[in-house]
Amino acid sequence: MFRLWGKEFKDNHMIKDTTICDDSDDTRTHKIFNALDEICYEFDLSKPIWLDVNINEFKRHSKARFYQDSFVDSIDFDFLEIQVIEE
């Protein structure tokens, strides 16, 4: 079971969160991208752009934060955080 936790933060408070579960036989990378797509759909967001800082942070900690510079549209929160909580 693969689970990814998506959270929106504003002023150091979590304002939204969701957990996406994936039991498919896809690769880990595909599961992460599919889960991020589902999170963005549920939160009504455009898909964030993976910058080098996001990729490096995710490789080290299985967690990444997407700030305004990762989104094409403006966002009404401080950052979106994703974290792998089960593999």
N, C-alpha and C. Protein backbone atom coordinates (compact mmCIF):
# COMPACT_ATOMS: atom_id res chain seq x y z
N MET A 1 0.84 -1.18 0.00
CA MET A 1 0.00 0.00 0.00
C MET A 1 0.88 1.24 0.00
N PHE A 2 0.63 2.12 -0.94
CA PHE A 2 1.34 3.39 -1.03
C PHE A 2 0.37 4.49 -0.62
N ARG A 3 0.80 5.37 0.30
CA ARG A 3 -0.05 6.48 0.72
C ARG A 3 0.75 7.78 0.69
N LEU A 4 0.13 8.79 0.12
CA LEU A 4 0.72 10.13 0.04
C LEU A 4 -0.22 11.10 0.73
N TRP A 5 0.34 11.91 1.62
CA TRP A 5 -0.44 12.88 2.38
C TRP A 5 -0.21 14.26 1.78
N GLY A 6 -1.26 14.93 1.39
CA GLY A 6 -1.18 16.28 0.84
C GLY A 6 -1.79 17.27 1.80
N LYS A 7 -1.09 18.40 2.05
CA LYS A 7 -1.55 19.39 3.03
C LYS A 7 -1.34 20.80 2.49
N GLU A 8 -2.31 21.66 2.74
CA GLU A 8 -2.17 23.09 2.44
C GLU A 8 -1.97 23.83 3.76
N PHE A 9 -1.01 24.76 3.76
CA PHE A 9 -0.72 25.54 4.96
C PHE A 9 -0.85 27.03 4.67
N LYS A 10 -1.39 27.74 5.66
CA LYS A 10 -1.44 29.21 5.60
C LYS A 10 -1.20 29.73 7.01
N ASP A 11 -0.26 30.64 7.15
CA ASP A 11 0.11 31.22 8.45
C ASP A 11 0.43 30.14 9.48
N ASN A 12 1.20 29.14 9.06
CA ASN A 12 1.63 28.02 9.91
C ASN A 12 0.49 27.16 10.44
N HIS A 13 -0.64 27.19 9.77
CA HIS A 13 -1.77 26.34 10.14
C HIS A 13 -2.18 25.50 8.94
N MET A 14 -2.46 24.22 9.17
CA MET A 14 -2.93 23.37 8.10
C MET A 14 -4.40 23.71 7.85
N ILE A 15 -4.72 24.07 6.61
CA ILE A 15 -6.10 24.45 6.30
C ILE A 15 -6.85 23.35 5.55
N LYS A 16 -6.12 22.48 4.86
CA LYS A 16 -6.73 21.34 4.16
C LYS A 16 -5.74 20.19 4.18
N ASP A 17 -6.28 18.97 4.18
CA ASP A 17 -5.39 17.82 4.00
C ASP A 17 -6.19 16.67 3.42
N THR A 18 -5.49 15.77 2.79
CA THR A 18 -6.08 14.57 2.23
C THR A 18 -5.00 13.50 2.11
N THR A 19 -5.42 12.26 2.11
CA THR A 19 -4.50 11.15 1.93
C THR A 19 -4.93 10.36 0.70
N ILE A 20 -3.99 10.09 -0.17
CA ILE A 20 -4.26 9.32 -1.38
C ILE A 20 -3.61 7.96 -1.23
N CYS A 21 -4.40 6.90 -1.44
CA CYS A 21 -3.91 5.52 -1.36
C CYS A 21 -3.82 4.94 -2.76
N ASP A 22 -2.78 4.15 -3.01
CA ASP A 22 -2.57 3.56 -4.33
C ASP A 22 -2.07 2.13 -4.15
N ASP A 23 -2.86 1.17 -4.63
CA ASP A 23 -2.48 -0.25 -4.57
C ASP A 23 -2.03 -0.79 -5.92
N SER A 24 -1.85 0.08 -6.90
CA SER A 24 -1.51 -0.38 -8.25
C SER A 24 -0.08 -0.92 -8.31
N ASP A 25 0.25 -1.50 -9.43
CA ASP A 25 1.59 -2.05 -9.66
C ASP A 25 2.51 -1.05 -10.37
N ASP A 26 2.12 0.21 -10.40
CA ASP A 26 2.95 1.24 -11.02
C ASP A 26 4.26 1.41 -10.26
N THR A 27 5.18 2.13 -10.89
CA THR A 27 6.44 2.45 -10.22
C THR A 27 6.17 3.52 -9.15
N ARG A 28 7.12 3.69 -8.25
CA ARG A 28 6.97 4.69 -7.18
C ARG A 28 6.78 6.09 -7.77
N THR A 29 7.53 6.41 -8.80
CA THR A 29 7.43 7.72 -9.43
C THR A 29 6.03 7.95 -9.99
N HIS A 30 5.48 6.96 -10.68
CA HIS A 30 4.13 7.10 -11.23
C HIS A 30 3.10 7.25 -10.13
N LYS A 31 3.28 6.51 -9.04
CA LYS A 31 2.34 6.62 -7.91
C LYS A 31 2.37 8.03 -7.31
N ILE A 32 3.57 8.61 -7.20
CA ILE A 32 3.71 9.96 -6.65
C ILE A 32 3.03 10.98 -7.55
N PHE A 33 3.30 10.91 -8.85
CA PHE A 33 2.69 11.86 -9.79
C PHE A 33 1.18 11.69 -9.85
N ASN A 34 0.68 10.46 -9.85
CA ASN A 34 -0.77 10.22 -9.89
C ASN A 34 -1.43 10.74 -8.61
N ALA A 35 -0.80 10.50 -7.47
CA ALA A 35 -1.35 10.98 -6.20
C ALA A 35 -1.35 12.51 -6.16
N LEU A 36 -0.28 13.14 -6.65
CA LEU A 36 -0.22 14.60 -6.68
C LEU A 36 -1.32 15.15 -7.59
N ASP A 37 -1.57 14.49 -8.71
CA ASP A 37 -2.67 14.90 -9.60
C ASP A 37 -4.01 14.83 -8.87
N GLU A 38 -4.23 13.77 -8.11
CA GLU A 38 -5.48 13.62 -7.36
C GLU A 38 -5.61 14.68 -6.28
N ILE A 39 -4.52 14.99 -5.60
CA ILE A 39 -4.53 16.03 -4.57
C ILE A 39 -4.88 17.38 -5.20
N CYS A 40 -4.26 17.69 -6.31
CA CYS A 40 -4.53 18.97 -6.98
C CYS A 40 -5.98 19.04 -7.46
N TYR A 41 -6.50 17.92 -7.94
CA TYR A 41 -7.89 17.90 -8.37
C TYR A 41 -8.82 18.13 -7.18
N GLU A 42 -8.55 17.45 -6.07
CA GLU A 42 -9.39 17.58 -4.88
C GLU A 42 -9.33 18.99 -4.29
N PHE A 43 -8.16 19.62 -4.31
CA PHE A 43 -7.99 20.96 -3.77
C PHE A 43 -8.27 22.05 -4.80
N ASP A 44 -8.62 21.67 -6.04
CA ASP A 44 -8.89 22.60 -7.14
C ASP A 44 -7.69 23.51 -7.41
N LEU A 45 -6.53 22.87 -7.62
CA LEU A 45 -5.27 23.58 -7.90
C LEU A 45 -4.73 23.19 -9.25
N SER A 46 -3.91 24.08 -9.82
CA SER A 46 -3.14 23.69 -10.99
C SER A 46 -1.99 22.81 -10.51
N LYS A 47 -1.47 22.00 -11.39
CA LYS A 47 -0.37 21.11 -11.00
C LYS A 47 0.90 21.92 -10.79
N PRO A 48 1.59 21.69 -9.69
CA PRO A 48 2.83 22.43 -9.44
C PRO A 48 3.97 21.94 -10.33
N ILE A 49 4.91 22.80 -10.54
CA ILE A 49 6.11 22.48 -11.31
C ILE A 49 7.17 21.97 -10.33
N TRP A 50 7.79 20.84 -10.66
CA TRP A 50 8.83 20.28 -9.80
C TRP A 50 10.14 21.03 -10.07
N LEU A 51 10.53 21.90 -9.17
CA LEU A 51 11.81 22.60 -9.28
C LEU A 51 12.90 21.72 -8.67
N ASP A 52 14.15 22.06 -8.93
CA ASP A 52 15.28 21.27 -8.41
C ASP A 52 15.24 21.15 -6.89
N VAL A 53 14.85 22.23 -6.23
CA VAL A 53 14.79 22.20 -4.77
C VAL A 53 13.73 21.19 -4.29
N ASN A 54 12.61 21.10 -5.00
CA ASN A 54 11.56 20.13 -4.65
C ASN A 54 12.05 18.70 -4.85
N ILE A 55 12.72 18.47 -5.94
CA ILE A 55 13.22 17.13 -6.26
C ILE A 55 14.24 16.69 -5.22
N ASN A 56 15.19 17.55 -4.89
CA ASN A 56 16.22 17.22 -3.90
C ASN A 56 15.62 16.97 -2.52
N GLU A 57 14.68 17.81 -2.13
CA GLU A 57 14.02 17.64 -0.83
C GLU A 57 13.25 16.32 -0.78
N PHE A 58 12.57 16.00 -1.88
CA PHE A 58 11.78 14.77 -1.92
C PHE A 58 12.67 13.53 -1.89
N LYS A 59 13.79 13.60 -2.58
CA LYS A 59 14.73 12.46 -2.57
C LYS A 59 15.27 12.22 -1.16
N ARG A 60 15.56 13.28 -0.42
CA ARG A 60 16.14 13.14 0.92
C ARG A 60 15.13 12.75 1.98
N HIS A 61 13.94 13.34 1.94
CA HIS A 61 13.01 13.20 3.06
C HIS A 61 11.66 12.58 2.70
N SER A 62 11.44 12.23 1.44
CA SER A 62 10.14 11.76 0.96
C SER A 62 9.05 12.78 1.28
N LYS A 63 9.44 14.05 1.20
CA LYS A 63 8.53 15.16 1.50
C LYS A 63 8.95 16.35 0.65
N ALA A 64 7.98 17.11 0.15
CA ALA A 64 8.30 18.29 -0.65
C ALA A 64 7.28 19.37 -0.38
N ARG A 65 7.73 20.62 -0.43
CA ARG A 65 6.86 21.77 -0.27
C ARG A 65 6.87 22.57 -1.56
N PHE A 66 5.68 22.89 -2.04
CA PHE A 66 5.53 23.67 -3.26
C PHE A 66 5.01 25.05 -2.88
N TYR A 67 5.84 26.08 -3.10
CA TYR A 67 5.48 27.47 -2.81
C TYR A 67 4.93 28.12 -4.07
N GLN A 68 4.61 29.40 -3.99
CA GLN A 68 4.04 30.13 -5.11
C GLN A 68 4.87 29.99 -6.38
N ASP A 69 6.20 29.93 -6.27
CA ASP A 69 7.04 29.86 -7.46
C ASP A 69 6.89 28.54 -8.22
N SER A 70 6.25 27.54 -7.63
CA SER A 70 6.01 26.26 -8.31
C SER A 70 4.68 26.22 -9.05
N PHE A 71 3.84 27.22 -8.81
CA PHE A 71 2.51 27.26 -9.43
C PHE A 71 2.44 28.35 -10.48
N VAL A 72 1.75 28.07 -11.58
CA VAL A 72 1.54 29.07 -12.62
C VAL A 72 0.48 30.06 -12.15
N ASP A 73 -0.60 29.55 -11.56
CA ASP A 73 -1.67 30.40 -11.04
C ASP A 73 -1.29 30.91 -9.65
N SER A 74 -1.96 31.98 -9.22
CA SER A 74 -1.71 32.45 -7.86
C SER A 74 -2.44 31.53 -6.88
N ILE A 75 -1.88 31.38 -5.70
CA ILE A 75 -2.46 30.51 -4.68
C ILE A 75 -2.85 31.35 -3.47
N ASP A 76 -3.87 30.92 -2.74
CA ASP A 76 -4.34 31.67 -1.58
C ASP A 76 -3.90 31.03 -0.26
N PHE A 77 -2.78 30.30 -0.31
CA PHE A 77 -2.19 29.69 0.87
C PHE A 77 -0.68 29.85 0.75
N ASP A 78 0.06 29.48 1.79
CA ASP A 78 1.51 29.68 1.78
C ASP A 78 2.25 28.60 1.00
N PHE A 79 1.90 27.33 1.24
CA PHE A 79 2.54 26.25 0.50
C PHE A 79 1.72 24.98 0.55
N LEU A 80 1.95 24.11 -0.43
CA LEU A 80 1.38 22.77 -0.49
C LEU A 80 2.50 21.80 -0.15
N GLU A 81 2.24 20.93 0.80
CA GLU A 81 3.25 19.95 1.20
C GLU A 81 2.73 18.55 0.90
N ILE A 82 3.60 17.73 0.30
CA ILE A 82 3.26 16.32 0.10
C ILE A 82 4.28 15.49 0.84
N GLN A 83 3.82 14.35 1.37
CA GLN A 83 4.70 13.49 2.15
C GLN A 83 4.26 12.05 1.97
N VAL A 84 5.22 11.18 1.68
CA VAL A 84 4.95 9.75 1.61
C VAL A 84 4.85 9.25 3.04
N ILE A 85 3.71 8.62 3.39
CA ILE A 85 3.55 8.13 4.76
C ILE A 85 3.55 6.61 4.82
N GLU A 86 3.48 5.95 3.68
CA GLU A 86 3.55 4.48 3.67
C GLU A 86 3.93 4.00 2.29
N GLU A 87 4.83 3.01 2.25
CA GLU A 87 5.21 2.40 0.98
C GLU A 87 5.12 0.91 1.10
